[in-house]
Amino acid sequence: MLEAKEKQEKVRDTMAVLDWQKQTREQQRLQEQEKIHREQAMLQQHWALEEQKEKQDAEQRFLLNRERNLELIQHNATEKQLREQGELRELEADKMRLE
């Protein structure tokens, strides 16, 4: 009986150690999962900021290009107008010469 009782105590002690190990592993697993979730959330936040910055940069490039294009259009229109005025002056000068 004494031997059986000692054997039961050893089994109980062994089971207690195994339970402790199991709980410790479970806690570590949960902590690791929590760490992974935090890292993923942080990365998603970082990616969202990067995406927002890229959108803003693209918008700025679009506005600058549009402004440059408008300036070119205005410049070309001014040059065309000056050319047309010069051609008109030449025509008038030719008319004057013919008279």
N, C-alpha and C. Protein backbone atom coordinates (compact mmCIF):
# COMPACT_ATOMS: atom_id res chain seq x y z
N MET A 1 0.82 -1.19 0.00
CA MET A 1 0.00 0.00 0.00
C MET A 1 0.87 1.26 0.00
N LEU A 2 1.94 1.18 0.76
CA LEU A 2 2.86 2.31 0.82
C LEU A 2 3.48 2.56 -0.55
N GLU A 3 3.84 1.47 -1.19
CA GLU A 3 4.43 1.56 -2.52
C GLU A 3 3.42 2.13 -3.53
N ALA A 4 2.20 1.69 -3.46
CA ALA A 4 1.14 2.16 -4.35
C ALA A 4 0.87 3.65 -4.11
N LYS A 5 0.91 4.02 -2.81
CA LYS A 5 0.68 5.42 -2.47
C LYS A 5 1.81 6.29 -3.02
N GLU A 6 3.07 5.82 -2.89
CA GLU A 6 4.23 6.57 -3.40
C GLU A 6 4.15 6.68 -4.92
N LYS A 7 3.72 5.56 -5.54
CA LYS A 7 3.59 5.55 -6.98
C LYS A 7 2.53 6.58 -7.43
N GLN A 8 1.40 6.63 -6.70
CA GLN A 8 0.35 7.59 -7.01
C GLN A 8 0.85 9.03 -6.85
N GLU A 9 1.65 9.29 -5.82
CA GLU A 9 2.20 10.62 -5.59
C GLU A 9 3.15 11.00 -6.72
N LYS A 10 4.00 10.03 -7.14
CA LYS A 10 4.92 10.30 -8.25
C LYS A 10 4.14 10.60 -9.54
N VAL A 11 3.07 9.82 -9.76
CA VAL A 11 2.24 10.05 -10.95
C VAL A 11 1.60 11.43 -10.85
N ARG A 12 1.09 11.77 -9.65
CA ARG A 12 0.48 13.08 -9.43
C ARG A 12 1.49 14.20 -9.66
N ASP A 13 2.70 14.02 -9.13
CA ASP A 13 3.75 15.03 -9.32
C ASP A 13 4.11 15.17 -10.80
N THR A 14 4.23 14.03 -11.45
CA THR A 14 4.56 14.03 -12.89
C THR A 14 3.45 14.74 -13.67
N MET A 15 2.21 14.44 -13.35
CA MET A 15 1.08 15.07 -14.02
C MET A 15 1.06 16.58 -13.75
N ALA A 16 1.41 16.97 -12.52
CA ALA A 16 1.44 18.39 -12.17
C ALA A 16 2.50 19.10 -13.01
N VAL A 17 3.67 18.48 -13.16
CA VAL A 17 4.75 19.07 -13.97
C VAL A 17 4.31 19.16 -15.43
N LEU A 18 3.70 18.09 -15.92
CA LEU A 18 3.22 18.09 -17.31
C LEU A 18 2.16 19.17 -17.53
N ASP A 19 1.25 19.31 -16.57
CA ASP A 19 0.23 20.36 -16.67
C ASP A 19 0.86 21.75 -16.67
N TRP A 20 1.85 21.92 -15.79
CA TRP A 20 2.56 23.20 -15.73
C TRP A 20 3.24 23.49 -17.08
N GLN A 21 3.91 22.47 -17.64
CA GLN A 21 4.58 22.64 -18.94
C GLN A 21 3.55 22.98 -20.03
N LYS A 22 2.43 22.30 -19.98
CA LYS A 22 1.38 22.53 -20.97
C LYS A 22 0.86 23.96 -20.87
N GLN A 23 0.61 24.41 -19.63
CA GLN A 23 0.13 25.78 -19.42
C GLN A 23 1.17 26.80 -19.88
N THR A 24 2.42 26.53 -19.56
CA THR A 24 3.50 27.45 -19.95
C THR A 24 3.58 27.55 -21.48
N ARG A 25 3.52 26.41 -22.15
CA ARG A 25 3.56 26.42 -23.62
C ARG A 25 2.37 27.17 -24.20
N GLU A 26 1.21 26.96 -23.61
CA GLU A 26 0.00 27.65 -24.08
C GLU A 26 0.14 29.16 -23.90
N GLN A 27 0.67 29.58 -22.74
CA GLN A 27 0.88 31.01 -22.51
C GLN A 27 1.87 31.58 -23.52
N GLN A 28 2.95 30.85 -23.78
CA GLN A 28 3.94 31.31 -24.76
C GLN A 28 3.32 31.41 -26.16
N ARG A 29 2.51 30.42 -26.50
CA ARG A 29 1.85 30.42 -27.81
C ARG A 29 0.93 31.63 -27.93
N LEU A 30 0.16 31.89 -26.86
CA LEU A 30 -0.75 33.04 -26.88
C LEU A 30 0.02 34.36 -26.97
N GLN A 31 1.11 34.44 -26.23
CA GLN A 31 1.93 35.66 -26.28
C GLN A 31 2.52 35.85 -27.68
N GLU A 32 2.97 34.76 -28.29
CA GLU A 32 3.53 34.83 -29.64
C GLU A 32 2.45 35.27 -30.64
N GLN A 33 1.24 34.72 -30.51
CA GLN A 33 0.15 35.13 -31.39
C GLN A 33 -0.19 36.60 -31.22
N GLU A 34 -0.22 37.04 -29.97
CA GLU A 34 -0.50 38.44 -29.68
C GLU A 34 0.57 39.33 -30.29
N LYS A 35 1.82 38.93 -30.18
CA LYS A 35 2.93 39.68 -30.76
C LYS A 35 2.79 39.75 -32.28
N ILE A 36 2.44 38.64 -32.89
CA ILE A 36 2.26 38.60 -34.35
C ILE A 36 1.12 39.53 -34.77
N HIS A 37 0.02 39.50 -34.02
CA HIS A 37 -1.12 40.37 -34.34
C HIS A 37 -0.74 41.84 -34.20
N ARG A 38 0.02 42.18 -33.16
CA ARG A 38 0.46 43.57 -32.98
C ARG A 38 1.35 43.99 -34.16
N GLU A 39 2.28 43.10 -34.55
CA GLU A 39 3.17 43.42 -35.66
C GLU A 39 2.39 43.59 -36.96
N GLN A 40 1.40 42.73 -37.18
CA GLN A 40 0.58 42.84 -38.39
C GLN A 40 -0.19 44.15 -38.39
N ALA A 41 -0.75 44.51 -37.26
CA ALA A 41 -1.51 45.76 -37.16
C ALA A 41 -0.59 46.95 -37.42
N MET A 42 0.61 46.89 -36.85
CA MET A 42 1.57 47.97 -37.05
C MET A 42 1.96 48.06 -38.53
N LEU A 43 2.20 46.92 -39.16
CA LEU A 43 2.56 46.92 -40.58
C LEU A 43 1.42 47.45 -41.44
N GLN A 44 0.19 47.04 -41.13
CA GLN A 44 -0.96 47.53 -41.89
C GLN A 44 -1.10 49.04 -41.76
N GLN A 45 -0.87 49.53 -40.55
CA GLN A 45 -0.93 50.98 -40.33
C GLN A 45 0.17 51.67 -41.14
N HIS A 46 1.36 51.10 -41.11
CA HIS A 46 2.49 51.67 -41.86
C HIS A 46 2.19 51.65 -43.36
N TRP A 47 1.65 50.54 -43.86
CA TRP A 47 1.31 50.43 -45.27
C TRP A 47 0.23 51.43 -45.66
N ALA A 48 -0.73 51.62 -44.78
CA ALA A 48 -1.80 52.59 -45.06
C ALA A 48 -1.22 54.00 -45.17
N LEU A 49 -0.28 54.33 -44.27
CA LEU A 49 0.36 55.65 -44.33
C LEU A 49 1.17 55.79 -45.62
N GLU A 50 1.89 54.74 -45.99
CA GLU A 50 2.68 54.76 -47.23
C GLU A 50 1.77 54.94 -48.44
N GLU A 51 0.66 54.22 -48.44
CA GLU A 51 -0.28 54.32 -49.56
C GLU A 51 -0.86 55.72 -49.65
N GLN A 52 -1.19 56.29 -48.50
CA GLN A 52 -1.73 57.65 -48.47
C GLN A 52 -0.69 58.64 -48.99
N LYS A 53 0.57 58.45 -48.59
CA LYS A 53 1.64 59.33 -49.05
C LYS A 53 1.83 59.19 -50.56
N GLU A 54 1.78 57.97 -51.08
CA GLU A 54 1.92 57.77 -52.51
C GLU A 54 0.77 58.43 -53.28
N LYS A 55 -0.45 58.35 -52.73
CA LYS A 55 -1.59 59.00 -53.37
C LYS A 55 -1.40 60.51 -53.40
N GLN A 56 -0.93 61.07 -52.29
CA GLN A 56 -0.70 62.51 -52.23
C GLN A 56 0.38 62.92 -53.22
N ASP A 57 1.46 62.12 -53.30
CA ASP A 57 2.53 62.42 -54.25
C ASP A 57 2.02 62.37 -55.69
N ALA A 58 1.20 61.36 -56.00
CA ALA A 58 0.64 61.24 -57.34
C ALA A 58 -0.26 62.43 -57.65
N GLU A 59 -1.04 62.84 -56.66
CA GLU A 59 -1.93 63.99 -56.84
C GLU A 59 -1.11 65.26 -57.09
N GLN A 60 -0.03 65.43 -56.33
CA GLN A 60 0.84 66.59 -56.52
C GLN A 60 1.46 66.59 -57.92
N ARG A 61 1.94 65.40 -58.36
CA ARG A 61 2.52 65.30 -59.71
C ARG A 61 1.46 65.66 -60.77
N PHE A 62 0.25 65.17 -60.57
CA PHE A 62 -0.83 65.46 -61.51
C PHE A 62 -1.08 66.97 -61.59
N LEU A 63 -1.17 67.61 -60.42
CA LEU A 63 -1.43 69.06 -60.40
C LEU A 63 -0.29 69.84 -61.05
N LEU A 64 0.96 69.43 -60.76
CA LEU A 64 2.10 70.11 -61.37
C LEU A 64 2.10 69.93 -62.89
N ASN A 65 1.83 68.72 -63.34
CA ASN A 65 1.79 68.47 -64.78
C ASN A 65 0.67 69.28 -65.44
N ARG A 66 -0.47 69.34 -64.79
CA ARG A 66 -1.59 70.10 -65.33
C ARG A 66 -1.22 71.59 -65.42
N GLU A 67 -0.57 72.08 -64.38
CA GLU A 67 -0.16 73.49 -64.37
C GLU A 67 0.84 73.76 -65.49
N ARG A 68 1.82 72.84 -65.64
CA ARG A 68 2.80 72.99 -66.72
C ARG A 68 2.11 72.95 -68.08
N ASN A 69 1.18 72.03 -68.23
CA ASN A 69 0.47 71.94 -69.51
C ASN A 69 -0.31 73.21 -69.81
N LEU A 70 -0.95 73.76 -68.79
CA LEU A 70 -1.69 75.01 -68.99
C LEU A 70 -0.74 76.14 -69.38
N GLU A 71 0.42 76.18 -68.75
CA GLU A 71 1.41 77.21 -69.10
C GLU A 71 1.87 77.04 -70.54
N LEU A 72 2.11 75.79 -70.94
CA LEU A 72 2.53 75.53 -72.33
C LEU A 72 1.43 75.93 -73.31
N ILE A 73 0.19 75.60 -72.98
CA ILE A 73 -0.92 75.96 -73.85
C ILE A 73 -1.02 77.48 -73.99
N GLN A 74 -0.89 78.18 -72.85
CA GLN A 74 -0.95 79.64 -72.89
C GLN A 74 0.22 80.21 -73.70
N HIS A 75 1.39 79.66 -73.50
CA HIS A 75 2.57 80.12 -74.22
C HIS A 75 2.39 79.90 -75.73
N ASN A 76 1.92 78.72 -76.09
CA ASN A 76 1.69 78.42 -77.51
C ASN A 76 0.63 79.34 -78.10
N ALA A 77 -0.42 79.61 -77.34
CA ALA A 77 -1.47 80.51 -77.82
C ALA A 77 -0.92 81.91 -78.03
N THR A 78 -0.08 82.36 -77.10
CA THR A 78 0.53 83.69 -77.22
C THR A 78 1.43 83.74 -78.45
N GLU A 79 2.24 82.72 -78.65
CA GLU A 79 3.12 82.68 -79.83
C GLU A 79 2.31 82.67 -81.12
N LYS A 80 1.22 81.90 -81.15
CA LYS A 80 0.36 81.84 -82.33
C LYS A 80 -0.23 83.21 -82.62
N GLN A 81 -0.68 83.87 -81.56
CA GLN A 81 -1.26 85.19 -81.72
C GLN A 81 -0.21 86.16 -82.26
N LEU A 82 1.01 86.09 -81.73
CA LEU A 82 2.07 86.98 -82.21
C LEU A 82 2.40 86.69 -83.67
N ARG A 83 2.43 85.41 -84.05
CA ARG A 83 2.69 85.04 -85.43
C ARG A 83 1.60 85.58 -86.35
N GLU A 84 0.35 85.40 -85.91
CA GLU A 84 -0.77 85.89 -86.72
C GLU A 84 -0.71 87.40 -86.88
N GLN A 85 -0.35 88.10 -85.81
CA GLN A 85 -0.23 89.56 -85.88
C GLN A 85 0.89 89.95 -86.84
N GLY A 86 1.99 89.21 -86.76
CA GLY A 86 3.10 89.48 -87.68
C GLY A 86 2.70 89.24 -89.12
N GLU A 87 1.96 88.17 -89.36
CA GLU A 87 1.50 87.87 -90.72
C GLU A 87 0.55 88.97 -91.22
N LEU A 88 -0.33 89.43 -90.32
CA LEU A 88 -1.24 90.52 -90.70
C LEU A 88 -0.47 91.79 -91.05
N ARG A 89 0.55 92.10 -90.27
CA ARG A 89 1.37 93.28 -90.54
C ARG A 89 2.04 93.16 -91.91
N GLU A 90 2.54 91.93 -92.18
CA GLU A 90 3.19 91.71 -93.47
C GLU A 90 2.19 91.87 -94.60
N LEU A 91 0.99 91.32 -94.43
CA LEU A 91 -0.05 91.47 -95.46
C LEU A 91 -0.39 92.94 -95.68
N GLU A 92 -0.52 93.67 -94.61
CA GLU A 92 -0.83 95.09 -94.73
C GLU A 92 0.32 95.85 -95.38
N ALA A 93 1.54 95.45 -95.01
CA ALA A 93 2.70 96.10 -95.63
C ALA A 93 2.72 95.78 -97.12
N ASP A 94 2.42 94.53 -97.48
CA ASP A 94 2.37 94.15 -98.90
C ASP A 94 1.28 94.94 -99.63
N LYS A 95 0.13 95.11 -99.01
CA LYS A 95 -0.97 95.89 -99.61
C LYS A 95 -0.53 97.34 -99.85
N MET A 96 0.17 97.87 -98.85
CA MET A 96 0.64 99.26 -98.95
C MET A 96 1.63 99.39 -100.10
N ARG A 97 2.48 98.39 -100.27
CA ARG A 97 3.48 98.42 -101.33
C ARG A 97 2.79 98.34 -102.71
N LEU A 98 1.73 97.50 -102.74
CA LEU A 98 1.02 97.34 -104.00
C LEU A 98 0.27 98.61 -104.39
N GLU A 99 -0.19 99.36 -103.44
CA GLU A 99 -0.93 100.58 -103.74
C GLU A 99 0.04 101.60 -104.20
